[in-house]
């Protein structure tokens, strides 16, 4: 189960890909394959969640890594990098590194 908590002190990545709607599913499939075959095998990977926009123009991946160094190791990994290169042929990539500041749950009445 994926847990988002400020106490974990993981590196959080929120990566937004802008894509032509005709290529949205292709991008989802590519990122799924990359994560299944390569990324999740790399030391320091915690979890990721893949999202697609309803209008077909965006694909967003929320990922957690133990550290910036672990994430950078993945980016330089020869098995992971070809997937990003392929994604960049059909989408614009806007990466972002974050830390969890707070989480909120519903109040119970």
PDB file of N, CA and C in Angstrom:
ATOM      1  N   UNK A   1       0.833  -1.183   0.000  1.00  0.00           N
ATOM      2  CA  UNK A   1       0.000   0.000   0.000  1.00  0.00           C
ATOM      3  C   UNK A   1       0.877   1.245   0.000  1.00  0.00           C
ATOM      4  N   UNK A   2       0.510   2.197  -0.818  1.00  0.00           N
ATOM      5  CA  UNK A   2       1.244   3.445  -0.900  1.00  0.00           C
ATOM      6  C   UNK A   2       0.830   4.340   0.257  1.00  0.00           C
ATOM      7  N   UNK A   3       1.824   4.875   0.962  1.00  0.00           N
ATOM      8  CA  UNK A   3       1.558   5.764   2.076  1.00  0.00           C
ATOM      9  C   UNK A   3       2.243   7.094   1.832  1.00  0.00           C
ATOM     10  N   UNK A   4       1.484   8.162   1.963  1.00  0.00           N
ATOM     11  CA  UNK A   4       2.039   9.504   1.826  1.00  0.00           C
ATOM     12  C   UNK A   4       2.020  10.132   3.213  1.00  0.00           C
ATOM     13  N   UNK A   5       3.210  10.422   3.720  1.00  0.00           N
ATOM     14  CA  UNK A   5       3.319  10.997   5.048  1.00  0.00           C
ATOM     15  C   UNK A   5       4.565  11.874   5.136  1.00  0.00           C
ATOM     16  N   UNK A   6       4.458  12.970   5.827  1.00  0.00           N
ATOM     17  CA  UNK A   6       5.618  13.852   5.965  1.00  0.00           C
ATOM     18  C   UNK A   6       6.700  13.233   6.845  1.00  0.00           C
ATOM     19  N   UNK A   7       6.342  12.309   7.710  1.00  0.00           N
ATOM     20  CA  UNK A   7       7.309  11.681   8.603  1.00  0.00           C
ATOM     21  C   UNK A   7       8.277  10.753   7.865  1.00  0.00           C
ATOM     22  N   UNK A   8       7.874  10.254   6.702  1.00  0.00           N
ATOM     23  CA  UNK A   8       8.720   9.312   5.967  1.00  0.00           C
ATOM     24  C   UNK A   8       9.974   9.984   5.404  1.00  0.00           C
ATOM     25  N   UNK A   9       9.898  11.262   5.099  1.00  0.00           N
ATOM     26  CA  UNK A   9      11.044  12.020   4.599  1.00  0.00           C
ATOM     27  C   UNK A   9      11.620  11.448   3.299  1.00  0.00           C
ATOM     28  N   UNK A  10      10.733  10.982   2.392  1.00  0.00           N
ATOM     29  CA  UNK A  10      11.157  10.497   1.091  1.00  0.00           C
ATOM     30  C   UNK A  10      11.214  11.656   0.103  1.00  0.00           C
ATOM     31  N   UNK A  11      11.938  11.442  -0.992  1.00  0.00           N
ATOM     32  CA  UNK A  11      11.895  12.360  -2.116  1.00  0.00           C
ATOM     33  C   UNK A  11      10.627  12.042  -2.903  1.00  0.00           C
ATOM     34  N   UNK A  12       9.832  13.050  -3.164  1.00  0.00           N
ATOM     35  CA  UNK A  12       8.609  12.880  -3.950  1.00  0.00           C
ATOM     36  C   UNK A  12       8.801  13.545  -5.298  1.00  0.00           C
ATOM     37  N   UNK A  13       8.467  12.813  -6.341  1.00  0.00           N
ATOM     38  CA  UNK A  13       8.519  13.351  -7.692  1.00  0.00           C
ATOM     39  C   UNK A  13       7.105  13.427  -8.236  1.00  0.00           C
ATOM     40  N   UNK A  14       6.761  14.559  -8.791  1.00  0.00           N
ATOM     41  CA  UNK A  14       5.500  14.710  -9.497  1.00  0.00           C
ATOM     42  C   UNK A  14       5.884  15.139 -10.905  1.00  0.00           C
ATOM     43  N   UNK A  15       5.790  14.193 -11.815  1.00  0.00           N
ATOM     44  CA  UNK A  15       6.227  14.400 -13.189  1.00  0.00           C
ATOM     45  C   UNK A  15       5.012  14.482 -14.101  1.00  0.00           C
ATOM     46  N   UNK A  16       4.899  15.594 -14.797  1.00  0.00           N
ATOM     47  CA  UNK A  16       3.754  15.832 -15.677  1.00  0.00           C
ATOM     48  C   UNK A  16       4.230  15.748 -17.123  1.00  0.00           C
ATOM     49  N   UNK A  17       3.564  14.913 -17.891  1.00  0.00           N
ATOM     50  CA  UNK A  17       3.823  14.788 -19.316  1.00  0.00           C
ATOM     51  C   UNK A  17       2.631  15.379 -20.056  1.00  0.00           C
ATOM     52  N   UNK A  18       2.883  16.279 -20.986  1.00  0.00           N
ATOM     53  CA  UNK A  18       1.843  16.821 -21.848  1.00  0.00           C
ATOM     54  C   UNK A  18       1.929  16.071 -23.162  1.00  0.00           C
ATOM     55  N   UNK A  19       0.792  15.576 -23.620  1.00  0.00           N
ATOM     56  CA  UNK A  19       0.776  14.673 -24.765  1.00  0.00           C
ATOM     57  C   UNK A  19      -0.444  14.941 -25.637  1.00  0.00           C
ATOM     58  N   UNK A  20      -0.329  14.673 -26.919  1.00  0.00           N
ATOM     59  CA  UNK A  20      -1.484  14.721 -27.811  1.00  0.00           C
ATOM     60  C   UNK A  20      -2.420  13.592 -27.379  1.00  0.00           C
ATOM     61  N   UNK A  21      -3.718  13.848 -27.278  1.00  0.00           N
ATOM     62  CA  UNK A  21      -4.650  12.804 -26.823  1.00  0.00           C
ATOM     63  C   UNK A  21      -4.529  11.481 -27.581  1.00  0.00           C
ATOM     64  N   UNK A  22      -4.143  11.543 -28.834  1.00  0.00           N
ATOM     65  CA  UNK A  22      -3.997  10.309 -29.609  1.00  0.00           C
ATOM     66  C   UNK A  22      -2.867   9.422 -29.079  1.00  0.00           C
ATOM     67  N   UNK A  23      -1.908  10.034 -28.360  1.00  0.00           N
ATOM     68  CA  UNK A  23      -0.757   9.292 -27.813  1.00  0.00           C
ATOM     69  C   UNK A  23      -0.834   9.051 -26.317  1.00  0.00           C
ATOM     70  N   UNK A  24      -1.925   9.452 -25.669  1.00  0.00           N
ATOM     71  CA  UNK A  24      -1.983   9.322 -24.214  1.00  0.00           C
ATOM     72  C   UNK A  24      -1.850   7.864 -23.770  1.00  0.00           C
ATOM     73  N   UNK A  25      -2.615   6.960 -24.360  1.00  0.00           N
ATOM     74  CA  UNK A  25      -2.556   5.562 -23.940  1.00  0.00           C
ATOM     75  C   UNK A  25      -1.191   4.952 -24.244  1.00  0.00           C
ATOM     76  N   UNK A  26      -0.581   5.334 -25.358  1.00  0.00           N
ATOM     77  CA  UNK A  26       0.760   4.856 -25.696  1.00  0.00           C
ATOM     78  C   UNK A  26       1.749   5.278 -24.613  1.00  0.00           C
ATOM     79  N   UNK A  27       1.628   6.520 -24.143  1.00  0.00           N
ATOM     80  CA  UNK A  27       2.513   7.013 -23.087  1.00  0.00           C
ATOM     81  C   UNK A  27       2.254   6.275 -21.770  1.00  0.00           C
ATOM     82  N   UNK A  28       0.997   6.066 -21.429  1.00  0.00           N
ATOM     83  CA  UNK A  28       0.655   5.308 -20.215  1.00  0.00           C
ATOM     84  C   UNK A  28       1.268   3.911 -20.290  1.00  0.00           C
ATOM     85  N   UNK A  29       1.129   3.267 -21.435  1.00  0.00           N
ATOM     86  CA  UNK A  29       1.681   1.921 -21.604  1.00  0.00           C
ATOM     87  C   UNK A  29       3.204   1.924 -21.479  1.00  0.00           C
ATOM     88  N   UNK A  30       3.846   2.913 -22.060  1.00  0.00           N
ATOM     89  CA  UNK A  30       5.299   3.026 -22.010  1.00  0.00           C
ATOM     90  C   UNK A  30       5.790   3.243 -20.579  1.00  0.00           C
ATOM     91  N   UNK A  31       5.146   4.157 -19.841  1.00  0.00           N
ATOM     92  CA  UNK A  31       5.553   4.423 -18.457  1.00  0.00           C
ATOM     93  C   UNK A  31       5.263   3.231 -17.555  1.00  0.00           C
ATOM     94  N   UNK A  32       4.179   2.533 -17.826  1.00  0.00           N
ATOM     95  CA  UNK A  32       3.862   1.319 -17.065  1.00  0.00           C
ATOM     96  C   UNK A  32       4.937   0.266 -17.290  1.00  0.00           C
ATOM     97  N   UNK A  33       5.292   0.052 -18.534  1.00  0.00           N
ATOM     98  CA  UNK A  33       6.328  -0.924 -18.870  1.00  0.00           C
ATOM     99  C   UNK A  33       7.658  -0.543 -18.231  1.00  0.00           C
ATOM    100  N   UNK A  34       8.029   0.717 -18.339  1.00  0.00           N
ATOM    101  CA  UNK A  34       9.288   1.181 -17.749  1.00  0.00           C
ATOM    102  C   UNK A  34       9.331   0.917 -16.248  1.00  0.00           C
ATOM    103  N   UNK A  35       8.225   1.189 -15.575  1.00  0.00           N
ATOM    104  CA  UNK A  35       8.183   1.007 -14.123  1.00  0.00           C
ATOM    105  C   UNK A  35       8.197  -0.476 -13.758  1.00  0.00           C
ATOM    106  N   UNK A  36       7.404  -1.273 -14.468  1.00  0.00           N
ATOM    107  CA  UNK A  36       7.335  -2.712 -14.183  1.00  0.00           C
ATOM    108  C   UNK A  36       8.664  -3.414 -14.424  1.00  0.00           C
ATOM    109  N   UNK A  37       9.302  -3.131 -15.551  1.00  0.00           N
ATOM    110  CA  UNK A  37      10.493  -3.867 -15.966  1.00  0.00           C
ATOM    111  C   UNK A  37      11.776  -3.318 -15.363  1.00  0.00           C
ATOM    112  N   UNK A  38      11.843  -2.014 -15.187  1.00  0.00           N
ATOM    113  CA  UNK A  38      13.116  -1.414 -14.808  1.00  0.00           C
ATOM    114  C   UNK A  38      13.071  -0.644 -13.492  1.00  0.00           C
ATOM    115  N   UNK A  39      12.305   0.419 -13.453  1.00  0.00           N
ATOM    116  CA  UNK A  39      12.372   1.388 -12.350  1.00  0.00           C
ATOM    117  C   UNK A  39      12.128   0.744 -10.991  1.00  0.00           C
ATOM    118  N   UNK A  40      11.132  -0.096 -10.886  1.00  0.00           N
ATOM    119  CA  UNK A  40      10.811  -0.671  -9.567  1.00  0.00           C
ATOM    120  C   UNK A  40      11.875  -1.639  -9.060  1.00  0.00           C
ATOM    121  N   UNK A  41      12.803  -2.031  -9.919  1.00  0.00           N
ATOM    122  CA  UNK A  41      13.891  -2.934  -9.535  1.00  0.00           C
ATOM    123  C   UNK A  41      15.097  -2.188  -8.964  1.00  0.00           C
ATOM    124  N   UNK A  42      15.110  -0.875  -9.094  1.00  0.00           N
ATOM    125  CA  UNK A  42      16.280  -0.078  -8.728  1.00  0.00           C
ATOM    126  C   UNK A  42      16.252   0.266  -7.233  1.00  0.00           C
ATOM    127  N   UNK A  43      17.386   0.154  -6.605  1.00  0.00           N
ATOM    128  CA  UNK A  43      17.519   0.437  -5.174  1.00  0.00           C
ATOM    129  C   UNK A  43      17.018   1.843  -4.857  1.00  0.00           C
ATOM    130  N   UNK A  44      16.211   1.940  -3.809  1.00  0.00           N
ATOM    131  CA  UNK A  44      15.705   3.227  -3.349  1.00  0.00           C
ATOM    132  C   UNK A  44      14.303   3.548  -3.820  1.00  0.00           C
ATOM    133  N   UNK A  45      13.773   2.769  -4.768  1.00  0.00           N
ATOM    134  CA  UNK A  45      12.410   2.992  -5.234  1.00  0.00           C
ATOM    135  C   UNK A  45      11.432   2.602  -4.129  1.00  0.00           C
ATOM    136  N   UNK A  46      10.473   3.494  -3.827  1.00  0.00           N
ATOM    137  CA  UNK A  46       9.468   3.228  -2.804  1.00  0.00           C
ATOM    138  C   UNK A  46       8.140   2.858  -3.456  1.00  0.00           C
ATOM    139  N   UNK A  47       7.618   3.752  -4.297  1.00  0.00           N
ATOM    140  CA  UNK A  47       6.335   3.504  -4.952  1.00  0.00           C
ATOM    141  C   UNK A  47       6.101   4.550  -6.030  1.00  0.00           C
ATOM    142  N   UNK A  48       5.118   4.268  -6.872  1.00  0.00           N
ATOM    143  CA  UNK A  48       4.678   5.274  -7.836  1.00  0.00           C
ATOM    144  C   UNK A  48       3.219   5.040  -8.173  1.00  0.00           C
ATOM    145  N   UNK A  49       2.575   6.094  -8.619  1.00  0.00           N
ATOM    146  CA  UNK A  49       1.181   6.048  -9.058  1.00  0.00           C
ATOM    147  C   UNK A  49       1.105   6.810 -10.377  1.00  0.00           C
ATOM    148  N   UNK A  50       0.435   6.205 -11.336  1.00  0.00           N
ATOM    149  CA  UNK A  50       0.325   6.783 -12.667  1.00  0.00           C
ATOM    150  C   UNK A  50      -1.098   7.288 -12.869  1.00  0.00           C
ATOM    151  N   UNK A  51      -1.208   8.501 -13.389  1.00  0.00           N
ATOM    152  CA  UNK A  51      -2.505   9.147 -13.581  1.00  0.00           C
ATOM    153  C   UNK A  51      -2.617   9.636 -15.022  1.00  0.00           C
ATOM    154  N   UNK A  52      -3.832   9.604 -15.565  1.00  0.00           N
ATOM    155  CA  UNK A  52      -4.060  10.210 -16.870  1.00  0.00           C
ATOM    156  C   UNK A  52      -5.203  11.199 -16.749  1.00  0.00           C
ATOM    157  N   UNK A  53      -5.086  12.303 -17.480  1.00  0.00           N
ATOM    158  CA  UNK A  53      -6.122  13.328 -17.414  1.00  0.00           C
ATOM    159  C   UNK A  53      -7.347  12.871 -18.204  1.00  0.00           C
ATOM    160  N   UNK A  54      -8.494  13.332 -17.774  1.00  0.00           N
ATOM    161  CA  UNK A  54      -9.750  12.992 -18.424  1.00  0.00           C
ATOM    162  C   UNK A  54      -9.788  13.525 -19.850  1.00  0.00           C
ATOM    163  N   UNK A  55      -9.167  14.685 -20.094  1.00  0.00           N
ATOM    164  CA  UNK A  55      -9.209  15.280 -21.439  1.00  0.00           C
ATOM    165  C   UNK A  55      -8.173  14.682 -22.392  1.00  0.00           C
ATOM    166  N   UNK A  56      -7.328  13.774 -21.896  1.00  0.00           N
ATOM    167  CA  UNK A  56      -6.373  13.088 -22.757  1.00  0.00           C
ATOM    168  C   UNK A  56      -5.063  13.806 -23.003  1.00  0.00           C
ATOM    169  N   UNK A  57      -4.860  14.980 -22.415  1.00  0.00           N
ATOM    170  CA  UNK A  57      -3.682  15.780 -22.739  1.00  0.00           C
ATOM    171  C   UNK A  57      -2.530  15.672 -21.745  1.00  0.00           C
ATOM    172  N   UNK A  58      -2.738  14.979 -20.643  1.00  0.00           N
ATOM    173  CA  UNK A  58      -1.686  14.893 -19.622  1.00  0.00           C
ATOM    174  C   UNK A  58      -1.598  13.458 -19.079  1.00  0.00           C
ATOM    175  N   UNK A  59      -0.380  13.106 -18.695  1.00  0.00           N
ATOM    176  CA  UNK A  59      -0.114  11.890 -17.932  1.00  0.00           C
ATOM    177  C   UNK A  59       0.801  12.339 -16.800  1.00  0.00           C
ATOM    178  N   UNK A  60       0.452  11.981 -15.579  1.00  0.00           N
ATOM    179  CA  UNK A  60       1.221  12.414 -14.416  1.00  0.00           C
ATOM    180  C   UNK A  60       1.633  11.200 -13.597  1.00  0.00           C
ATOM    181  N   UNK A  61       2.888  11.192 -13.186  1.00  0.00           N
ATOM    182  CA  UNK A  61       3.365  10.118 -12.321  1.00  0.00           C
ATOM    183  C   UNK A  61       3.826  10.715 -11.004  1.00  0.00           C
ATOM    184  N   UNK A  62       3.282  10.177  -9.927  1.00  0.00           N
ATOM    185  CA  UNK A  62       3.678  10.521  -8.567  1.00  0.00           C
ATOM    186  C   UNK A  62       4.576   9.384  -8.108  1.00  0.00           C
ATOM    187  N   UNK A  63       5.811   9.692  -7.723  1.00  0.00           N
ATOM    188  CA  UNK A  63       6.744   8.641  -7.313  1.00  0.00           C
ATOM    189  C   UNK A  63       7.476   9.039  -6.045  1.00  0.00           C
ATOM    190  N   UNK A  64       7.841   8.027  -5.271  1.00  0.00           N
ATOM    191  CA  UNK A  64       8.603   8.246  -4.048  1.00  0.00           C
ATOM    192  C   UNK A  64       9.903   7.443  -4.121  1.00  0.00           C
ATOM    193  N   UNK A  65      10.977   8.115  -3.714  1.00  0.00           N
ATOM    194  CA  UNK A  65      12.301   7.496  -3.655  1.00  0.00           C
ATOM    195  C   UNK A  65      12.885   7.747  -2.273  1.00  0.00           C
ATOM    196  N   UNK A  66      13.754   6.859  -1.825  1.00  0.00           N
ATOM    197  CA  UNK A  66      14.378   7.034  -0.505  1.00  0.00           C
ATOM    198  C   UNK A  66      15.227   8.293  -0.449  1.00  0.00           C
ATOM    199  N   UNK A  67      15.872   8.647  -1.577  1.00  0.00           N
ATOM    200  CA  UNK A  67      16.751   9.822  -1.569  1.00  0.00           C
ATOM    201  C   UNK A  67      16.909  10.375  -2.984  1.00  0.00           C
ATOM    202  N   UNK A  68      17.423  11.583  -3.064  1.00  0.00           N
ATOM    203  CA  UNK A  68      17.735  12.191  -4.363  1.00  0.00           C
ATOM    204  C   UNK A  68      18.798  11.352  -5.078  1.00  0.00           C
ATOM    205  N   UNK A  69      19.758  10.841  -4.333  1.00  0.00           N
ATOM    206  CA  UNK A  69      20.819  10.035  -4.930  1.00  0.00           C
ATOM    207  C   UNK A  69      20.249   8.768  -5.576  1.00  0.00           C
ATOM    208  N   UNK A  70      19.301   8.120  -4.905  1.00  0.00           N
ATOM    209  CA  UNK A  70      18.683   6.928  -5.486  1.00  0.00           C
ATOM    210  C   UNK A  70      17.937   7.272  -6.772  1.00  0.00           C
ATOM    211  N   UNK A  71      17.228   8.387  -6.770  1.00  0.00           N
ATOM    212  CA  UNK A  71      16.524   8.823  -7.975  1.00  0.00           C
ATOM    213  C   UNK A  71      17.517   9.119  -9.097  1.00  0.00           C
ATOM    214  N   UNK A  72      18.597   9.813  -8.794  1.00  0.00           N
ATOM    215  CA  UNK A  72      19.593  10.131  -9.819  1.00  0.00           C
ATOM    216  C   UNK A  72      20.251   8.870 -10.368  1.00  0.00           C
ATOM    217  N   UNK A  73      20.447   7.869  -9.523  1.00  0.00           N
ATOM    218  CA  UNK A  73      20.975   6.585  -9.996  1.00  0.00           C
ATOM    219  C   UNK A  73      20.023   5.943 -10.999  1.00  0.00           C
ATOM    220  N   UNK A  74      18.728   6.051 -10.747  1.00  0.00           N
ATOM    221  CA  UNK A  74      17.750   5.512 -11.682  1.00  0.00           C
ATOM    222  C   UNK A  74      17.826   6.249 -13.008  1.00  0.00           C
ATOM    223  N   UNK A  75      17.927   7.581 -12.951  1.00  0.00           N
ATOM    224  CA  UNK A  75      17.965   8.379 -14.179  1.00  0.00           C
ATOM    225  C   UNK A  75      19.186   8.040 -15.037  1.00  0.00           C
ATOM    226  N   UNK A  76      20.280   7.632 -14.405  1.00  0.00           N
ATOM    227  CA  UNK A  76      21.476   7.287 -15.170  1.00  0.00           C
ATOM    228  C   UNK A  76      21.563   5.789 -15.478  1.00  0.00           C
ATOM    229  N   UNK A  77      20.579   5.032 -15.035  1.00  0.00           N
ATOM    230  CA  UNK A  77      20.569   3.589 -15.263  1.00  0.00           C
ATOM    231  C   UNK A  77      20.282   3.294 -16.733  1.00  0.00           C
ATOM    232  N   UNK A  78      21.103   2.469 -17.337  1.00  0.00           N
ATOM    233  CA  UNK A  78      20.975   2.192 -18.770  1.00  0.00           C
ATOM    234  C   UNK A  78      19.703   1.431 -19.123  1.00  0.00           C
ATOM    235  N   UNK A  79      19.097   0.723 -18.180  1.00  0.00           N
ATOM    236  CA  UNK A  79      17.851   0.023 -18.494  1.00  0.00           C
ATOM    237  C   UNK A  79      16.636   0.933 -18.371  1.00  0.00           C
ATOM    238  N   UNK A  80      16.738   1.991 -17.601  1.00  0.00           N
ATOM    239  CA  UNK A  80      15.608   2.905 -17.409  1.00  0.00           C
ATOM    240  C   UNK A  80      15.587   4.044 -18.417  1.00  0.00           C
ATOM    241  N   UNK A  81      16.743   4.562 -18.793  1.00  0.00           N
ATOM    242  CA  UNK A  81      16.806   5.754 -19.633  1.00  0.00           C
ATOM    243  C   UNK A  81      16.179   5.617 -21.022  1.00  0.00           C
ATOM    244  N   UNK A  82      16.237   4.475 -21.686  1.00  0.00           N
ATOM    245  CA  UNK A  82      15.603   4.393 -23.012  1.00  0.00           C
ATOM    246  C   UNK A  82      14.090   4.644 -22.976  1.00  0.00           C
ATOM    247  N   UNK A  83      13.449   4.314 -21.878  1.00  0.00           N
ATOM    248  CA  UNK A  83      12.003   4.535 -21.772  1.00  0.00           C
ATOM    249  C   UNK A  83      11.679   6.029 -21.737  1.00  0.00           C
ATOM    250  N   UNK A  84      12.468   6.787 -20.988  1.00  0.00           N
ATOM    251  CA  UNK A  84      12.250   8.234 -20.940  1.00  0.00           C
ATOM    252  C   UNK A  84      12.534   8.854 -22.305  1.00  0.00           C
ATOM    253  N   UNK A  85      13.578   8.397 -22.956  1.00  0.00           N
ATOM    254  CA  UNK A  85      13.879   8.906 -24.294  1.00  0.00           C
ATOM    255  C   UNK A  85      12.715   8.645 -25.256  1.00  0.00           C
ATOM    256  N   UNK A  86      12.127   7.472 -25.168  1.00  0.00           N
ATOM    257  CA  UNK A  86      10.977   7.134 -26.016  1.00  0.00           C
ATOM    258  C   UNK A  86       9.771   8.005 -25.667  1.00  0.00           C
ATOM    259  N   UNK A  87       9.551   8.230 -24.384  1.00  0.00           N
ATOM    260  CA  UNK A  87       8.436   9.082 -23.943  1.00  0.00           C
ATOM    261  C   UNK A  87       8.592  10.499 -24.469  1.00  0.00           C
ATOM    262  N   UNK A  88       9.817  10.999 -24.487  1.00  0.00           N
ATOM    263  CA  UNK A  88      10.062  12.373 -24.927  1.00  0.00           C
ATOM    264  C   UNK A  88       9.836  12.565 -26.430  1.00  0.00           C
ATOM    265  N   UNK A  89       9.721  11.466 -27.164  1.00  0.00           N
ATOM    266  CA  UNK A  89       9.407  11.562 -28.589  1.00  0.00           C
ATOM    267  C   UNK A  89       7.934  11.916 -28.820  1.00  0.00           C
ATOM    268  N   UNK A  90       7.087  11.610 -27.832  1.00  0.00           N
ATOM    269  CA  UNK A  90       5.651  11.855 -28.002  1.00  0.00           C
ATOM    270  C   UNK A  90       5.066  12.812 -26.965  1.00  0.00           C
ATOM    271  N   UNK A  91       5.874  13.246 -25.995  1.00  0.00           N
ATOM    272  CA  UNK A  91       5.340  14.086 -24.919  1.00  0.00           C
ATOM    273  C   UNK A  91       6.374  15.089 -24.429  1.00  0.00           C
ATOM    274  N   UNK A  92       5.875  16.168 -23.867  1.00  0.00           N
ATOM    275  CA  UNK A  92       6.718  17.159 -23.190  1.00  0.00           C
ATOM    276  C   UNK A  92       6.755  16.781 -21.710  1.00  0.00           C
ATOM    277  N   UNK A  93       7.929  16.817 -21.113  1.00  0.00           N
ATOM    278  CA  UNK A  93       8.152  16.341 -19.752  1.00  0.00           C
ATOM    279  C   UNK A  93       8.441  17.514 -18.834  1.00  0.00           C
ATOM    280  N   UNK A  94       7.666  17.647 -17.748  1.00  0.00           N
ATOM    281  CA  UNK A  94       7.886  18.681 -16.736  1.00  0.00           C
ATOM    282  C   UNK A  94       8.094  17.999 -15.387  1.00  0.00           C
ATOM    283  N   UNK A  95       9.353  17.743 -15.011  1.00  0.00           N
ATOM    284  CA  UNK A  95       9.623  17.066 -13.741  1.00  0.00           C
ATOM    285  C   UNK A  95       9.572  18.029 -12.561  1.00  0.00           C
ATOM    286  N   UNK A  96       9.315  17.481 -11.390  1.00  0.00           N
ATOM    287  CA  UNK A  96       9.340  18.283 -10.176  1.00  0.00           C
ATOM    288  C   UNK A  96       9.702  17.432  -8.973  1.00  0.00           C
ATOM    289  N   UNK A  97      10.605  17.935  -8.136  1.00  0.00           N
ATOM    290  CA  UNK A  97      10.988  17.260  -6.888  1.00  0.00           C
ATOM    291  C   UNK A  97      10.335  17.991  -5.730  1.00  0.00           C
ATOM    292  N   UNK A  98       9.731  17.220  -4.833  1.00  0.00           N
ATOM    293  CA  UNK A  98       8.968  17.800  -3.728  1.00  0.00           C
ATOM    294  C   UNK A  98       9.247  17.056  -2.428  1.00  0.00           C
ATOM    295  N   UNK A  99       8.830  17.671  -1.342  1.00  0.00           N
ATOM    296  CA  UNK A  99       8.768  16.992  -0.047  1.00  0.00           C
ATOM    297  C   UNK A  99       7.339  17.148   0.455  1.00  0.00           C
ATOM    298  N   UNK A 100       6.855  16.123   1.131  1.00  0.00           N
ATOM    299  CA  UNK A 100       5.511  16.183   1.687  1.00  0.00           C
ATOM    300  C   UNK A 100       5.528  17.115   2.887  1.00  0.00           C
ATOM    301  N   UNK A 101       4.684  18.117   2.873  1.00  0.00           N
ATOM    302  CA  UNK A 101       4.613  19.093   3.951  1.00  0.00           C
ATOM    303  C   UNK A 101       3.516  18.712   4.934  1.00  0.00           C
ATOM    304  N   UNK A 102       2.394  18.250   4.395  1.00  0.00           N
ATOM    305  CA  UNK A 102       1.264  17.897   5.254  1.00  0.00           C
ATOM    306  C   UNK A 102       0.335  16.974   4.484  1.00  0.00           C
ATOM    307  N   UNK A 103      -0.400  16.162   5.199  1.00  0.00           N
ATOM    308  CA  UNK A 103      -1.472  15.343   4.609  1.00  0.00           C
ATOM    309  C   UNK A 103      -2.743  15.603   5.391  1.00  0.00           C
ATOM    310  N   UNK A 104      -3.872  15.407   4.744  1.00  0.00           N
ATOM    311  CA  UNK A 104      -5.166  15.694   5.358  1.00  0.00           C
ATOM    312  C   UNK A 104      -6.116  14.521   5.164  1.00  0.00           C
ATOM    313  N   UNK A 105      -6.861  14.213   6.170  1.00  0.00           N
ATOM    314  CA  UNK A 105      -7.882  13.191   6.136  1.00  0.00           C
ATOM    315  C   UNK A 105      -9.233  13.834   6.449  1.00  0.00           C
ATOM    316  N   UNK A 106     -10.320  13.205   6.050  1.00  0.00           N
ATOM    317  CA  UNK A 106     -11.620  13.790   6.352  1.00  0.00           C
ATOM    318  C   UNK A 106     -11.892  13.766   7.852  1.00  0.00           C
ATOM    319  N   UNK A 107     -12.665  14.729   8.306  1.00  0.00           N
ATOM    320  CA  UNK A 107     -13.086  14.710   9.698  1.00  0.00           C
ATOM    321  C   UNK A 107     -14.264  13.741   9.821  1.00  0.00           C
ATOM    322  N   UNK A 108     -14.334  13.065  10.938  1.00  0.00           N
ATOM    323  CA  UNK A 108     -15.405  12.107  11.158  1.00  0.00           C
ATOM    324  C   UNK A 108     -16.469  12.772  12.028  1.00  0.00           C
ATOM    325  N   UNK A 109     -17.692  12.758  11.565  1.00  0.00           N
ATOM    326  CA  UNK A 109     -18.795  13.364  12.346  1.00  0.00           C
ATOM    327  C   UNK A 109     -19.455  12.384  13.239  1.00  0.00           C
TER     328      UNK A 109
END
